[in-house]
Structure formats: C-alpha cells, structure tokens
Amino acid sequence: MATALQHLSTYDASSFIDISEKRFGLVVAEWNTEITDVLSAGAYDTLLKHGARAENIFRNSVPGSFELTLGAQLLAQHEEMDAVICLGVVIKGETKHDDYICHAVAQGLTNVGLKYNKPVIFGLVTTNTLEQAQDRAGGKHGNKGVEAAVAAIQMLGF
C-alpha cells in the first residue's frame, strides 16, 4: 500500500511479544541527519514503549545509506543480537544514484537477515524530495522509524 494512503505510526500492538530481554541494534545513516535522527528517535522510543530496556538498544552510525548493509552485518553477527533495524534516507537527485543505492541496500539487508537468521529491518526512506522525506520522518505520514521498530517486534514473534 502506498504511504500516502496510510500513517506509518499507526499499528496494533495487541499481539506483540515480551521484548524486555531482547537486544536491538539500530544502524543509522549520518547522511541527511535531520531526517535520520528523527527516524532513530522514533524507533528507539517505540522499542522502549513496548518493553525494551534502554541498555539492550545499541545505536551505531554509518556514513550513508549504502553502508547500512555492512553496519547491519557487524551487529547481526553477534549471537546475542535479536534484531537489527536499519534507518536511512535516499532522496532522488539528478542522477540515478538513488536506484543503485536503494537496490544495493535492499538486497544487502535481505542477505544479512537470511545469513544470520534474524530480523534485519529495511527502514530506508526513499523519496523524490526532502519534503516527502520529512513527511515520513515525523510529518504527515508518521515516522518510518516507528514502523521499522514495529516490524522488528512483529518479526521476533514468529
């Protein structure tokens, strides 16, 4: 469903498992920090809201969205890490860089999750404009960081 038709921060938590003993890694791109910091705060606050302990949430920064894959792998390889949430933003520019980055990150994060058999969540905002990114980072469409944290919790319930 298109984001324009839903609010990213709306969800049903009735089936969530107890996450008080789960460990979460947040991998956050430093490129476009005005967006990624909001995504990270949304994910962090959502995890706390649903029972995660602050000492079990680990945030690592990477230079940009392309580096999310390696950042995810470095966290996922630790047996005690239960889920990894990757947050970044790619805004379409004058070149096709966004296509290459988004495809590489999607494929890379999928591979990391399969390799380590744990949730590795794709929290990449991919938009045409900065305004659209802001709309998905606490704006009129909610916060994709919240959505990513919810997805991690739900996947841990499988």
C-alpha atoms as a PDB file:
ATOM      1  CA  MET A   1       0.000   0.000   0.000  1.00  0.00           C
ATOM      2  CA  ALA A   2       1.307   3.457  -0.837  1.00  0.00           C
ATOM      3  CA  THR A   3       2.483   5.526   2.106  1.00  0.00           C
ATOM      4  CA  ALA A   4       0.163   8.340   1.035  1.00  0.00           C
ATOM      5  CA  LEU A   5      -2.747   6.049   1.915  1.00  0.00           C
ATOM      6  CA  GLN A   6      -1.608   5.180   5.439  1.00  0.00           C
ATOM      7  CA  HIS A   7       0.022   6.627   8.519  1.00  0.00           C
ATOM      8  CA  LEU A   8       3.338   4.882   9.271  1.00  0.00           C
ATOM      9  CA  SER A   9       2.940   5.263  13.019  1.00  0.00           C
ATOM     10  CA  THR A  10      -0.455   3.511  13.256  1.00  0.00           C
ATOM     11  CA  TYR A  11      -0.352  -0.134  14.315  1.00  0.00           C
ATOM     12  CA  ASP A  12      -1.968  -2.758  16.527  1.00  0.00           C
ATOM     13  CA  ALA A  13       0.289  -3.861  19.377  1.00  0.00           C
ATOM     14  CA  SER A  14      -2.109  -6.434  20.815  1.00  0.00           C
ATOM     15  CA  SER A  15      -0.102  -9.398  19.528  1.00  0.00           C
ATOM     16  CA  PHE A  16       3.367  -8.124  20.485  1.00  0.00           C
ATOM     17  CA  ILE A  17       5.614 -10.483  22.430  1.00  0.00           C
ATOM     18  CA  ASP A  18       7.527  -9.548  25.581  1.00  0.00           C
ATOM     19  CA  ILE A  19      10.697  -7.810  24.350  1.00  0.00           C
ATOM     20  CA  SER A  20      12.147  -6.911  27.751  1.00  0.00           C
ATOM     21  CA  GLU A  21      15.035  -9.357  27.283  1.00  0.00           C
ATOM     22  CA  LYS A  22      15.536  -8.781  23.539  1.00  0.00           C
ATOM     23  CA  ARG A  23      18.534  -6.894  22.163  1.00  0.00           C
ATOM     24  CA  PHE A  24      18.129  -4.483  19.286  1.00  0.00           C
ATOM     25  CA  GLY A  25      20.718  -2.872  17.061  1.00  0.00           C
ATOM     26  CA  LEU A  26      19.958   0.418  15.357  1.00  0.00           C
ATOM     27  CA  VAL A  27      22.130   1.221  12.355  1.00  0.00           C
ATOM     28  CA  VAL A  28      21.602   4.853  11.392  1.00  0.00           C
ATOM     29  CA  ALA A  29      22.982   6.658   8.351  1.00  0.00           C
ATOM     30  CA  GLU A  30      24.637  10.015   9.069  1.00  0.00           C
ATOM     31  CA  TRP A  31      23.762  11.399   5.627  1.00  0.00           C
ATOM     32  CA  ASN A  32      20.622  13.576   5.981  1.00  0.00           C
ATOM     33  CA  THR A  33      20.816  13.558   9.795  1.00  0.00           C
ATOM     34  CA  GLU A  34      17.877  15.959  10.055  1.00  0.00           C
ATOM     35  CA  ILE A  35      15.801  13.002   8.839  1.00  0.00           C
ATOM     36  CA  THR A  36      17.706  10.006  10.211  1.00  0.00           C
ATOM     37  CA  ASP A  37      17.861  11.392  13.756  1.00  0.00           C
ATOM     38  CA  VAL A  38      14.053  11.634  13.765  1.00  0.00           C
ATOM     39  CA  LEU A  39      13.770   8.087  12.404  1.00  0.00           C
ATOM     40  CA  SER A  40      16.165   6.822  15.065  1.00  0.00           C
ATOM     41  CA  ALA A  41      14.288   8.585  17.873  1.00  0.00           C
ATOM     42  CA  GLY A  42      11.016   7.108  16.604  1.00  0.00           C
ATOM     43  CA  ALA A  43      12.440   3.579  16.561  1.00  0.00           C
ATOM     44  CA  TYR A  44      14.120   3.956  19.965  1.00  0.00           C
ATOM     45  CA  ASP A  45      11.033   5.405  21.654  1.00  0.00           C
ATOM     46  CA  THR A  46       8.813   2.709  20.135  1.00  0.00           C
ATOM     47  CA  LEU A  47      11.065  -0.065  21.414  1.00  0.00           C
ATOM     48  CA  LEU A  48      11.040   1.454  24.915  1.00  0.00           C
ATOM     49  CA  LYS A  49       7.268   1.956  24.781  1.00  0.00           C
ATOM     50  CA  HIS A  50       6.778  -1.754  24.148  1.00  0.00           C
ATOM     51  CA  GLY A  51       9.094  -3.026  26.854  1.00  0.00           C
ATOM     52  CA  ALA A  52      12.664  -2.994  25.542  1.00  0.00           C
ATOM     53  CA  ARG A  53      15.241  -1.888  28.064  1.00  0.00           C
ATOM     54  CA  ALA A  54      17.454   1.062  27.141  1.00  0.00           C
ATOM     55  CA  GLU A  55      20.600  -0.931  27.912  1.00  0.00           C
ATOM     56  CA  ASN A  56      19.517  -3.503  25.295  1.00  0.00           C
ATOM     57  CA  ILE A  57      19.288  -0.991  22.444  1.00  0.00           C
ATOM     58  CA  PHE A  58      22.556  -0.301  20.639  1.00  0.00           C
ATOM     59  CA  ARG A  59      22.888   2.521  18.118  1.00  0.00           C
ATOM     60  CA  ASN A  60      25.691   2.546  15.573  1.00  0.00           C
ATOM     61  CA  SER A  61      26.155   5.223  12.946  1.00  0.00           C
ATOM     62  CA  VAL A  62      27.384   4.686   9.401  1.00  0.00           C
ATOM     63  CA  PRO A  63      28.342   7.408   6.901  1.00  0.00           C
ATOM     64  CA  GLY A  64      25.444   6.901   4.491  1.00  0.00           C
ATOM     65  CA  SER A  65      22.648   4.574   3.455  1.00  0.00           C
ATOM     66  CA  PHE A  66      24.933   2.450   1.279  1.00  0.00           C
ATOM     67  CA  GLU A  67      26.880   1.478   4.408  1.00  0.00           C
ATOM     68  CA  LEU A  68      23.781   0.240   6.250  1.00  0.00           C
ATOM     69  CA  THR A  69      24.397  -3.271   4.938  1.00  0.00           C
ATOM     70  CA  LEU A  70      27.840  -3.705   6.488  1.00  0.00           C
ATOM     71  CA  GLY A  71      26.697  -1.949   9.647  1.00  0.00           C
ATOM     72  CA  ALA A  72      23.818  -4.430   9.898  1.00  0.00           C
ATOM     73  CA  GLN A  73      26.119  -7.385   9.354  1.00  0.00           C
ATOM     74  CA  LEU A  74      28.540  -6.223  12.050  1.00  0.00           C
ATOM     75  CA  LEU A  75      25.684  -6.185  14.564  1.00  0.00           C
ATOM     76  CA  ALA A  76      23.789  -9.239  13.308  1.00  0.00           C
ATOM     77  CA  GLN A  77      26.840 -11.467  13.574  1.00  0.00           C
ATOM     78  CA  HIS A  78      26.638 -11.215  17.364  1.00  0.00           C
ATOM     79  CA  GLU A  79      24.620 -14.146  18.650  1.00  0.00           C
ATOM     80  CA  GLU A  80      23.085 -12.088  21.447  1.00  0.00           C
ATOM     81  CA  MET A  81      21.634  -9.538  18.994  1.00  0.00           C
ATOM     82  CA  ASP A  82      17.974 -10.384  18.343  1.00  0.00           C
ATOM     83  CA  ALA A  83      17.072  -7.853  15.629  1.00  0.00           C
ATOM     84  CA  VAL A  84      18.728  -5.093  13.633  1.00  0.00           C
ATOM     85  CA  ILE A  85      16.864  -2.001  12.456  1.00  0.00           C
ATOM     86  CA  CYS A  86      18.464  -0.030   9.619  1.00  0.00           C
ATOM     87  CA  LEU A  87      17.491   3.610   9.125  1.00  0.00           C
ATOM     88  CA  GLY A  88      18.472   5.928   6.323  1.00  0.00           C
ATOM     89  CA  VAL A  89      17.136   8.182   3.627  1.00  0.00           C
ATOM     90  CA  VAL A  90      17.818   8.381  -0.086  1.00  0.00           C
ATOM     91  CA  ILE A  91      16.405  11.360  -1.939  1.00  0.00           C
ATOM     92  CA  LYS A  92      16.249  11.219  -5.710  1.00  0.00           C
ATOM     93  CA  GLY A  93      18.638  13.617  -7.348  1.00  0.00           C
ATOM     94  CA  GLU A  94      19.695  14.491 -10.868  1.00  0.00           C
ATOM     95  CA  THR A  95      21.439  11.151 -11.419  1.00  0.00           C
ATOM     96  CA  LYS A  96      20.413   7.526 -10.985  1.00  0.00           C
ATOM     97  CA  HIS A  97      22.439   7.104  -7.778  1.00  0.00           C
ATOM     98  CA  ASP A  98      19.249   6.525  -5.802  1.00  0.00           C
ATOM     99  CA  ASP A  99      18.358   3.455  -7.880  1.00  0.00           C
ATOM    100  CA  TYR A 100      21.756   1.883  -7.298  1.00  0.00           C
ATOM    101  CA  ILE A 101      21.867   2.646  -3.587  1.00  0.00           C
ATOM    102  CA  CYS A 102      18.307   1.535  -2.844  1.00  0.00           C
ATOM    103  CA  HIS A 103      18.697  -1.719  -4.761  1.00  0.00           C
ATOM    104  CA  ALA A 104      22.050  -2.499  -3.118  1.00  0.00           C
ATOM    105  CA  VAL A 105      20.739  -1.771   0.374  1.00  0.00           C
ATOM    106  CA  ALA A 106      17.550  -3.790  -0.114  1.00  0.00           C
ATOM    107  CA  GLN A 107      19.457  -6.795  -1.447  1.00  0.00           C
ATOM    108  CA  GLY A 108      22.221  -6.468   1.117  1.00  0.00           C
ATOM    109  CA  LEU A 109      19.914  -6.255   4.123  1.00  0.00           C
ATOM    110  CA  THR A 110      17.888  -9.196   2.842  1.00  0.00           C
ATOM    111  CA  ASN A 111      21.082 -11.231   2.581  1.00  0.00           C
ATOM    112  CA  VAL A 112      22.217 -10.273   6.086  1.00  0.00           C
ATOM    113  CA  GLY A 113      18.889 -11.304   7.590  1.00  0.00           C
ATOM    114  CA  LEU A 114      18.957 -14.632   5.794  1.00  0.00           C
ATOM    115  CA  LYS A 115      22.611 -15.262   6.646  1.00  0.00           C
ATOM    116  CA  TYR A 116      22.109 -14.717  10.373  1.00  0.00           C
ATOM    117  CA  ASN A 117      18.502 -15.930  10.546  1.00  0.00           C
ATOM    118  CA  LYS A 118      17.244 -12.865  12.382  1.00  0.00           C
ATOM    119  CA  PRO A 119      15.160  -9.811  11.547  1.00  0.00           C
ATOM    120  CA  VAL A 120      17.098  -7.136   9.688  1.00  0.00           C
ATOM    121  CA  ILE A 121      14.637  -4.350   9.044  1.00  0.00           C
ATOM    122  CA  PHE A 122      14.697  -2.097   5.970  1.00  0.00           C
ATOM    123  CA  GLY A 123      13.916   1.359   7.383  1.00  0.00           C
ATOM    124  CA  LEU A 124      15.107   3.271   4.352  1.00  0.00           C
ATOM    125  CA  VAL A 125      13.062   6.298   3.349  1.00  0.00           C
ATOM    126  CA  THR A 126      13.206   6.582  -0.446  1.00  0.00           C
ATOM    127  CA  THR A 127      11.638   9.748  -1.808  1.00  0.00           C
ATOM    128  CA  ASN A 128      11.768  12.213  -4.646  1.00  0.00           C
ATOM    129  CA  THR A 129      12.087  15.297  -2.428  1.00  0.00           C
ATOM    130  CA  LEU A 130      13.249  16.419   1.005  1.00  0.00           C
ATOM    131  CA  GLU A 131       9.667  17.392   1.828  1.00  0.00           C
ATOM    132  CA  GLN A 132       8.478  13.840   1.157  1.00  0.00           C
ATOM    133  CA  ALA A 133      11.226  12.519   3.433  1.00  0.00           C
ATOM    134  CA  GLN A 134      10.172  14.920   6.198  1.00  0.00           C
ATOM    135  CA  ASP A 135       6.579  13.740   5.781  1.00  0.00           C
ATOM    136  CA  ARG A 136       7.801  10.197   6.582  1.00  0.00           C
ATOM    137  CA  ALA A 137      10.038  11.251   9.473  1.00  0.00           C
ATOM    138  CA  GLY A 138       7.527  12.625  11.933  1.00  0.00           C
ATOM    139  CA  GLY A 139       5.461  14.566   9.401  1.00  0.00           C
ATOM    140  CA  LYS A 140       2.010  13.990   7.981  1.00  0.00           C
ATOM    141  CA  HIS A 141       2.697  10.313   7.186  1.00  0.00           C
ATOM    142  CA  GLY A 142       4.102   9.470  10.624  1.00  0.00           C
ATOM    143  CA  ASN A 143       7.570   8.109  11.247  1.00  0.00           C
ATOM    144  CA  LYS A 144       9.157   5.246   9.322  1.00  0.00           C
ATOM    145  CA  GLY A 145      11.414   4.664  12.337  1.00  0.00           C
ATOM    146  CA  VAL A 146       8.321   3.716  14.337  1.00  0.00           C
ATOM    147  CA  GLU A 147       7.216   1.414  11.521  1.00  0.00           C
ATOM    148  CA  ALA A 148      10.652  -0.231  11.432  1.00  0.00           C
ATOM    149  CA  ALA A 149      10.673  -0.859  15.197  1.00  0.00           C
ATOM    150  CA  VAL A 150       7.171  -2.332  15.000  1.00  0.00           C
ATOM    151  CA  ALA A 151       8.284  -4.617  12.164  1.00  0.00           C
ATOM    152  CA  ALA A 152      11.230  -5.832  14.271  1.00  0.00           C
ATOM    153  CA  ILE A 153       8.957  -6.612  17.229  1.00  0.00           C
ATOM    154  CA  GLN A 154       6.484  -8.419  14.992  1.00  0.00           C
ATOM    155  CA  MET A 155       9.212 -10.497  13.335  1.00  0.00           C
ATOM    156  CA  LEU A 156      10.550 -11.564  16.730  1.00  0.00           C
ATOM    157  CA  GLY A 157       7.096 -13.018  17.400  1.00  0.00           C
ATOM    158  CA  PHE A 158       7.426 -15.605  14.622  1.00  0.00           C
END
